[in-house]
Amino acid sequence: MYRYINRGLFERDKVTFKLMMSFKILIKAQILTSADVSVFLKAGSGIDDRNKKYTWMDNKVWLNIVALSKHKFGNDHSFFYKELPERIGRLEKEWRKFFDENEPENATIPDFEEKIQAD
């Protein structure tokens, strides 16, 4: 069924379909919850916080960080990103450098790498 649907889609829609399928599989496997998927899709758009702290960061990015820090992820309802806004404030220069990286996926995340590796 997946192959038939994927074959019938336009190229631009295939990634969206794969993402939807992946989310559904993760929800059924109880790795993610519907609320987790909602945070990934909506992020900070539902938050009204006009107190952007950093001039180098877009307001939309800041709202996404705030949304991540307030969300309880997974079935264990852990606040994995709860400390993220404070960590950015402590090491603002390092976070700005990370933010401006051309390939941030290959860079070390300031003051967060140990937490990611531990979980």
Foldseek 3Di string as FASTA:
>chain_A
DLVVVLVPDDPVCNVVVVVVVVVVVCCVVQFWHPVRVVCVVCAQVVDDDPPDPDPLDDPVVVSNLVSLLPFQTTPVRHSLSVCVVVQCVVPVVQQSVLVPDPCNVPDQHPPCNVSVVVD
